[in-house]
PDB file of N, CA and C in Angstrom:
ATOM      1  N   MET A   1     -45.351  40.704  -2.956  1.00  0.00           N
ATOM      2  CA  MET A   1     -46.158  39.712  -3.665  1.00  0.00           C
ATOM      3  C   MET A   1     -47.239  39.177  -2.725  1.00  0.00           C
ATOM      4  N   SER A   2     -48.410  39.028  -3.245  1.00  0.00           N
ATOM      5  CA  SER A   2     -49.570  38.593  -2.468  1.00  0.00           C
ATOM      6  C   SER A   2     -49.545  37.086  -2.237  1.00  0.00           C
ATOM      7  N   GLY A   3     -50.200  36.639  -1.146  1.00  0.00           N
ATOM      8  CA  GLY A   3     -50.327  35.223  -0.854  1.00  0.00           C
ATOM      9  C   GLY A   3     -51.581  34.615  -1.463  1.00  0.00           C
ATOM     10  N   HIS A   4     -52.221  35.366  -2.350  1.00  0.00           N
ATOM     11  CA  HIS A   4     -53.477  34.929  -2.964  1.00  0.00           C
ATOM     12  C   HIS A   4     -53.206  33.850  -4.010  1.00  0.00           C
ATOM     13  N   ILE A   5     -54.023  32.813  -4.013  1.00  0.00           N
ATOM     14  CA  ILE A   5     -53.928  31.743  -5.003  1.00  0.00           C
ATOM     15  C   ILE A   5     -54.902  32.058  -6.119  1.00  0.00           C
ATOM     16  N   LYS A   6     -54.409  32.071  -7.362  1.00  0.00           N
ATOM     17  CA  LYS A   6     -55.253  32.376  -8.520  1.00  0.00           C
ATOM     18  C   LYS A   6     -56.436  31.413  -8.579  1.00  0.00           C
ATOM     19  N   GLY A   7     -57.616  31.955  -8.769  1.00  0.00           N
ATOM     20  CA  GLY A   7     -58.825  31.145  -8.885  1.00  0.00           C
ATOM     21  C   GLY A   7     -59.526  30.864  -7.563  1.00  0.00           C
ATOM     22  N   TYR A   8     -58.948  31.340  -6.471  1.00  0.00           N
ATOM     23  CA  TYR A   8     -59.567  31.142  -5.164  1.00  0.00           C
ATOM     24  C   TYR A   8     -59.870  32.490  -4.524  1.00  0.00           C
ATOM     25  N   ARG A   9     -61.000  32.549  -3.863  1.00  0.00           N
ATOM     26  CA  ARG A   9     -61.373  33.759  -3.144  1.00  0.00           C
ATOM     27  C   ARG A   9     -60.763  33.704  -1.742  1.00  0.00           C
ATOM     28  N   ASN A  10     -60.810  34.811  -1.021  1.00  0.00           N
ATOM     29  CA  ASN A  10     -60.360  34.809   0.369  1.00  0.00           C
ATOM     30  C   ASN A  10     -61.374  34.035   1.200  1.00  0.00           C
ATOM     31  N   LEU A  11     -60.893  33.144   2.034  1.00  0.00           N
ATOM     32  CA  LEU A  11     -61.766  32.308   2.849  1.00  0.00           C
ATOM     33  C   LEU A  11     -61.859  32.863   4.267  1.00  0.00           C
ATOM     34  N   SER A  12     -63.032  32.695   4.865  1.00  0.00           N
ATOM     35  CA  SER A  12     -63.224  33.112   6.252  1.00  0.00           C
ATOM     36  C   SER A  12     -62.560  32.088   7.177  1.00  0.00           C
ATOM     37  N   GLU A  13     -62.408  32.454   8.409  1.00  0.00           N
ATOM     38  CA  GLU A  13     -61.838  31.524   9.395  1.00  0.00           C
ATOM     39  C   GLU A  13     -62.707  30.275   9.530  1.00  0.00           C
ATOM     40  N   THR A  14     -64.020  30.457   9.473  1.00  0.00           N
ATOM     41  CA  THR A  14     -64.943  29.321   9.553  1.00  0.00           C
ATOM     42  C   THR A  14     -64.740  28.388   8.366  1.00  0.00           C
ATOM     43  N   GLU A  15     -64.611  28.954   7.178  1.00  0.00           N
ATOM     44  CA  GLU A  15     -64.388  28.126   5.981  1.00  0.00           C
ATOM     45  C   GLU A  15     -63.057  27.391   6.052  1.00  0.00           C
ATOM     46  N   ILE A  16     -62.035  28.074   6.508  1.00  0.00           N
ATOM     47  CA  ILE A  16     -60.726  27.440   6.663  1.00  0.00           C
ATOM     48  C   ILE A  16     -60.822  26.297   7.669  1.00  0.00           C
ATOM     49  N   SER A  17     -61.544  26.514   8.752  1.00  0.00           N
ATOM     50  CA  SER A  17     -61.737  25.476   9.759  1.00  0.00           C
ATOM     51  C   SER A  17     -62.467  24.267   9.173  1.00  0.00           C
ATOM     52  N   LEU A  18     -63.505  24.515   8.373  1.00  0.00           N
ATOM     53  CA  LEU A  18     -64.248  23.422   7.734  1.00  0.00           C
ATOM     54  C   LEU A  18     -63.347  22.627   6.786  1.00  0.00           C
ATOM     55  N   ILE A  19     -62.557  23.327   5.991  1.00  0.00           N
ATOM     56  CA  ILE A  19     -61.650  22.644   5.066  1.00  0.00           C
ATOM     57  C   ILE A  19     -60.628  21.820   5.836  1.00  0.00           C
ATOM     58  N   ASN A  20     -60.111  22.360   6.913  1.00  0.00           N
ATOM     59  CA  ASN A  20     -59.159  21.593   7.727  1.00  0.00           C
ATOM     60  C   ASN A  20     -59.811  20.357   8.334  1.00  0.00           C
ATOM     61  N   LYS A  21     -61.067  20.464   8.718  1.00  0.00           N
ATOM     62  CA  LYS A  21     -61.806  19.322   9.253  1.00  0.00           C
ATOM     63  C   LYS A  21     -61.971  18.254   8.162  1.00  0.00           C
ATOM     64  N   ILE A  22     -62.306  18.680   6.946  1.00  0.00           N
ATOM     65  CA  ILE A  22     -62.410  17.748   5.820  1.00  0.00           C
ATOM     66  C   ILE A  22     -61.070  17.054   5.607  1.00  0.00           C
ATOM     67  N   LYS A  23     -59.986  17.812   5.624  1.00  0.00           N
ATOM     68  CA  LYS A  23     -58.645  17.244   5.414  1.00  0.00           C
ATOM     69  C   LYS A  23     -58.300  16.248   6.528  1.00  0.00           C
ATOM     70  N   ASP A  24     -58.684  16.545   7.755  1.00  0.00           N
ATOM     71  CA  ASP A  24     -58.441  15.623   8.871  1.00  0.00           C
ATOM     72  C   ASP A  24     -59.163  14.290   8.649  1.00  0.00           C
ATOM     73  N   HIS A  25     -60.415  14.367   8.249  1.00  0.00           N
ATOM     74  CA  HIS A  25     -61.191  13.151   7.999  1.00  0.00           C
ATOM     75  C   HIS A  25     -60.615  12.378   6.805  1.00  0.00           C
ATOM     76  N   ALA A  26     -60.186  13.102   5.789  1.00  0.00           N
ATOM     77  CA  ALA A  26     -59.570  12.454   4.633  1.00  0.00           C
ATOM     78  C   ALA A  26     -58.312  11.687   5.060  1.00  0.00           C
ATOM     79  N   GLY A  27     -57.560  12.238   5.979  1.00  0.00           N
ATOM     80  CA  GLY A  27     -56.357  11.563   6.480  1.00  0.00           C
ATOM     81  C   GLY A  27     -56.693  10.259   7.179  1.00  0.00           C
ATOM     82  N   VAL A  28     -57.762  10.248   7.958  1.00  0.00           N
ATOM     83  CA  VAL A  28     -58.200   9.032   8.653  1.00  0.00           C
ATOM     84  C   VAL A  28     -58.627   7.970   7.635  1.00  0.00           C
ATOM     85  N   VAL A  29     -59.404   8.394   6.644  1.00  0.00           N
ATOM     86  CA  VAL A  29     -59.868   7.458   5.620  1.00  0.00           C
ATOM     87  C   VAL A  29     -58.681   6.933   4.808  1.00  0.00           C
ATOM     88  N   SER A  30     -57.742   7.796   4.497  1.00  0.00           N
ATOM     89  CA  SER A  30     -56.544   7.387   3.760  1.00  0.00           C
ATOM     90  C   SER A  30     -55.770   6.310   4.525  1.00  0.00           C
ATOM     91  N   ALA A  31     -55.658   6.479   5.831  1.00  0.00           N
ATOM     92  CA  ALA A  31     -54.962   5.478   6.651  1.00  0.00           C
ATOM     93  C   ALA A  31     -55.689   4.140   6.599  1.00  0.00           C
ATOM     94  N   LEU A  32     -57.021   4.152   6.599  1.00  0.00           N
ATOM     95  CA  LEU A  32     -57.798   2.925   6.489  1.00  0.00           C
ATOM     96  C   LEU A  32     -57.547   2.246   5.146  1.00  0.00           C
ATOM     97  N   VAL A  33     -57.541   3.030   4.087  1.00  0.00           N
ATOM     98  CA  VAL A  33     -57.276   2.470   2.751  1.00  0.00           C
ATOM     99  C   VAL A  33     -55.899   1.816   2.729  1.00  0.00           C
ATOM    100  N   GLU A  34     -54.910   2.483   3.274  1.00  0.00           N
ATOM    101  CA  GLU A  34     -53.552   1.911   3.299  1.00  0.00           C
ATOM    102  C   GLU A  34     -53.500   0.650   4.153  1.00  0.00           C
ATOM    103  N   GLU A  35     -54.257   0.620   5.232  1.00  0.00           N
ATOM    104  CA  GLU A  35     -54.332  -0.578   6.073  1.00  0.00           C
ATOM    105  C   GLU A  35     -54.919  -1.748   5.279  1.00  0.00           C
ATOM    106  N   LEU A  36     -55.952  -1.473   4.495  1.00  0.00           N
ATOM    107  CA  LEU A  36     -56.576  -2.525   3.684  1.00  0.00           C
ATOM    108  C   LEU A  36     -55.623  -3.075   2.634  1.00  0.00           C
ATOM    109  N   ARG A  37     -54.652  -2.285   2.232  1.00  0.00           N
ATOM    110  CA  ARG A  37     -53.645  -2.755   1.271  1.00  0.00           C
ATOM    111  C   ARG A  37     -52.812  -3.900   1.842  1.00  0.00           C
ATOM    112  N   GLU A  38     -52.752  -3.988   3.153  1.00  0.00           N
ATOM    113  CA  GLU A  38     -51.914  -4.995   3.817  1.00  0.00           C
ATOM    114  C   GLU A  38     -52.623  -6.324   4.060  1.00  0.00           C
ATOM    115  N   TYR A  39     -53.948  -6.348   3.917  1.00  0.00           N
ATOM    116  CA  TYR A  39     -54.699  -7.561   4.234  1.00  0.00           C
ATOM    117  C   TYR A  39     -54.703  -8.523   3.053  1.00  0.00           C
ATOM    118  N   PRO A  40     -54.225  -9.770   3.289  1.00  0.00           N
ATOM    119  CA  PRO A  40     -54.273 -10.767   2.228  1.00  0.00           C
ATOM    120  C   PRO A  40     -55.727 -11.090   1.872  1.00  0.00           C
ATOM    121  N   GLY A  41     -55.964 -11.331   0.613  1.00  0.00           N
ATOM    122  CA  GLY A  41     -57.293 -11.716   0.174  1.00  0.00           C
ATOM    123  C   GLY A  41     -58.218 -10.559  -0.135  1.00  0.00           C
ATOM    124  N   VAL A  42     -57.812  -9.348   0.200  1.00  0.00           N
ATOM    125  CA  VAL A  42     -58.631  -8.177  -0.113  1.00  0.00           C
ATOM    126  C   VAL A  42     -58.398  -7.830  -1.580  1.00  0.00           C
ATOM    127  N   ASP A  43     -59.472  -7.630  -2.317  1.00  0.00           N
ATOM    128  CA  ASP A  43     -59.382  -7.317  -3.744  1.00  0.00           C
ATOM    129  C   ASP A  43     -58.802  -5.910  -3.916  1.00  0.00           C
ATOM    130  N   GLN A  44     -57.545  -5.841  -4.307  1.00  0.00           N
ATOM    131  CA  GLN A  44     -56.835  -4.567  -4.410  1.00  0.00           C
ATOM    132  C   GLN A  44     -57.373  -3.674  -5.525  1.00  0.00           C
ATOM    133  N   ARG A  45     -57.995  -4.277  -6.518  1.00  0.00           N
ATOM    134  CA  ARG A  45     -58.622  -3.470  -7.566  1.00  0.00           C
ATOM    135  C   ARG A  45     -59.707  -2.596  -6.951  1.00  0.00           C
ATOM    136  N   TRP A  46     -60.532  -3.198  -6.077  1.00  0.00           N
ATOM    137  CA  TRP A  46     -61.592  -2.432  -5.432  1.00  0.00           C
ATOM    138  C   TRP A  46     -61.038  -1.432  -4.432  1.00  0.00           C
ATOM    139  N   VAL A  47     -59.940  -1.773  -3.784  1.00  0.00           N
ATOM    140  CA  VAL A  47     -59.304  -0.803  -2.880  1.00  0.00           C
ATOM    141  C   VAL A  47     -58.856   0.421  -3.687  1.00  0.00           C
ATOM    142  N   SER A  48     -58.290   0.170  -4.865  1.00  0.00           N
ATOM    143  CA  SER A  48     -57.857   1.282  -5.723  1.00  0.00           C
ATOM    144  C   SER A  48     -59.036   2.117  -6.200  1.00  0.00           C
ATOM    145  N   ILE A  49     -60.113   1.458  -6.587  1.00  0.00           N
ATOM    146  CA  ILE A  49     -61.315   2.185  -7.006  1.00  0.00           C
ATOM    147  C   ILE A  49     -61.851   3.022  -5.844  1.00  0.00           C
ATOM    148  N   ALA A  50     -61.909   2.422  -4.672  1.00  0.00           N
ATOM    149  CA  ALA A  50     -62.392   3.144  -3.486  1.00  0.00           C
ATOM    150  C   ALA A  50     -61.509   4.353  -3.198  1.00  0.00           C
ATOM    151  N   ARG A  51     -60.200   4.170  -3.291  1.00  0.00           N
ATOM    152  CA  ARG A  51     -59.269   5.266  -3.026  1.00  0.00           C
ATOM    153  C   ARG A  51     -59.559   6.442  -3.951  1.00  0.00           C
ATOM    154  N   THR A  52     -59.694   6.151  -5.241  1.00  0.00           N
ATOM    155  CA  THR A  52     -59.968   7.203  -6.216  1.00  0.00           C
ATOM    156  C   THR A  52     -61.306   7.885  -5.942  1.00  0.00           C
ATOM    157  N   ASP A  53     -62.344   7.087  -5.709  1.00  0.00           N
ATOM    158  CA  ASP A  53     -63.671   7.654  -5.460  1.00  0.00           C
ATOM    159  C   ASP A  53     -63.697   8.471  -4.162  1.00  0.00           C
ATOM    160  N   LEU A  54     -63.011   7.995  -3.145  1.00  0.00           N
ATOM    161  CA  LEU A  54     -62.955   8.740  -1.885  1.00  0.00           C
ATOM    162  C   LEU A  54     -62.188  10.049  -2.059  1.00  0.00           C
ATOM    163  N   GLN A  55     -61.089  10.007  -2.816  1.00  0.00           N
ATOM    164  CA  GLN A  55     -60.356  11.249  -3.099  1.00  0.00           C
ATOM    165  C   GLN A  55     -61.266  12.250  -3.800  1.00  0.00           C
ATOM    166  N   THR A  56     -62.036  11.762  -4.767  1.00  0.00           N
ATOM    167  CA  THR A  56     -62.969  12.619  -5.489  1.00  0.00           C
ATOM    168  C   THR A  56     -63.994  13.216  -4.528  1.00  0.00           C
ATOM    169  N   GLY A  57     -64.514  12.401  -3.633  1.00  0.00           N
ATOM    170  CA  GLY A  57     -65.502  12.871  -2.663  1.00  0.00           C
ATOM    171  C   GLY A  57     -64.950  13.936  -1.728  1.00  0.00           C
ATOM    172  N   PHE A  58     -63.748  13.699  -1.216  1.00  0.00           N
ATOM    173  CA  PHE A  58     -63.161  14.693  -0.309  1.00  0.00           C
ATOM    174  C   PHE A  58     -62.820  15.982  -1.054  1.00  0.00           C
ATOM    175  N   MET A  59     -62.387  15.857  -2.312  1.00  0.00           N
ATOM    176  CA  MET A  59     -62.131  17.065  -3.101  1.00  0.00           C
ATOM    177  C   MET A  59     -63.430  17.826  -3.342  1.00  0.00           C
ATOM    178  N   ALA A  60     -64.520  17.101  -3.607  1.00  0.00           N
ATOM    179  CA  ALA A  60     -65.814  17.756  -3.809  1.00  0.00           C
ATOM    180  C   ALA A  60     -66.251  18.493  -2.540  1.00  0.00           C
ATOM    181  N   LEU A  61     -66.043  17.877  -1.385  1.00  0.00           N
ATOM    182  CA  LEU A  61     -66.379  18.550  -0.130  1.00  0.00           C
ATOM    183  C   LEU A  61     -65.554  19.820   0.044  1.00  0.00           C
ATOM    184  N   THR A  62     -64.265  19.741  -0.252  1.00  0.00           N
ATOM    185  CA  THR A  62     -63.393  20.894  -0.137  1.00  0.00           C
ATOM    186  C   THR A  62     -63.836  22.007  -1.081  1.00  0.00           C
ATOM    187  N   ARG A  63     -64.140  21.628  -2.323  1.00  0.00           N
ATOM    188  CA  ARG A  63     -64.588  22.623  -3.301  1.00  0.00           C
ATOM    189  C   ARG A  63     -65.935  23.227  -2.917  1.00  0.00           C
ATOM    190  N   SER A  64     -66.778  22.451  -2.238  1.00  0.00           N
ATOM    191  CA  SER A  64     -68.076  22.983  -1.819  1.00  0.00           C
ATOM    192  C   SER A  64     -67.916  24.126  -0.837  1.00  0.00           C
ATOM    193  N   VAL A  65     -66.866  24.077  -0.062  1.00  0.00           N
ATOM    194  CA  VAL A  65     -66.592  25.153   0.905  1.00  0.00           C
ATOM    195  C   VAL A  65     -65.790  26.273   0.234  1.00  0.00           C
ATOM    196  N   ALA A  66     -64.715  25.891  -0.471  1.00  0.00           N
ATOM    197  CA  ALA A  66     -63.813  26.889  -1.049  1.00  0.00           C
ATOM    198  C   ALA A  66     -64.443  27.642  -2.217  1.00  0.00           C
ATOM    199  N   GLN A  67     -65.316  26.972  -2.965  1.00  0.00           N
ATOM    200  CA  GLN A  67     -65.990  27.560  -4.113  1.00  0.00           C
ATOM    201  C   GLN A  67     -65.018  28.310  -5.028  1.00  0.00           C
ATOM    202  N   PRO A  68     -64.033  27.556  -5.588  1.00  0.00           N
ATOM    203  CA  PRO A  68     -63.072  28.209  -6.481  1.00  0.00           C
ATOM    204  C   PRO A  68     -63.777  28.822  -7.687  1.00  0.00           C
ATOM    205  N   THR A  69     -63.150  29.843  -8.234  1.00  0.00           N
ATOM    206  CA  THR A  69     -63.740  30.583  -9.346  1.00  0.00           C
ATOM    207  C   THR A  69     -63.286  30.073 -10.702  1.00  0.00           C
ATOM    208  N   THR A  70     -62.413  29.071 -10.721  1.00  0.00           N
ATOM    209  CA  THR A  70     -61.893  28.541 -11.973  1.00  0.00           C
ATOM    210  C   THR A  70     -62.235  27.060 -12.087  1.00  0.00           C
ATOM    211  N   PHE A  71     -62.031  26.513 -13.256  1.00  0.00           N
ATOM    212  CA  PHE A  71     -62.295  25.113 -13.555  1.00  0.00           C
ATOM    213  C   PHE A  71     -61.479  24.240 -12.623  1.00  0.00           C
TER     214      PHE A  71
END
């Protein structure tokens, strides 16, 4: 059985490296968001909105490199 993921093309080492770099940065940003959850007086609604929008942004960056062939 192949290790190929349906809807994704084979990625070069450079592309894999770029995606890993995006994931590393996303982890740092995620830690900041979680830190903000602990601060009293911070509007948690906006923290939640930021979390969602940042997730969308990092996914868009990942897709820009991976260029999946499916929806």
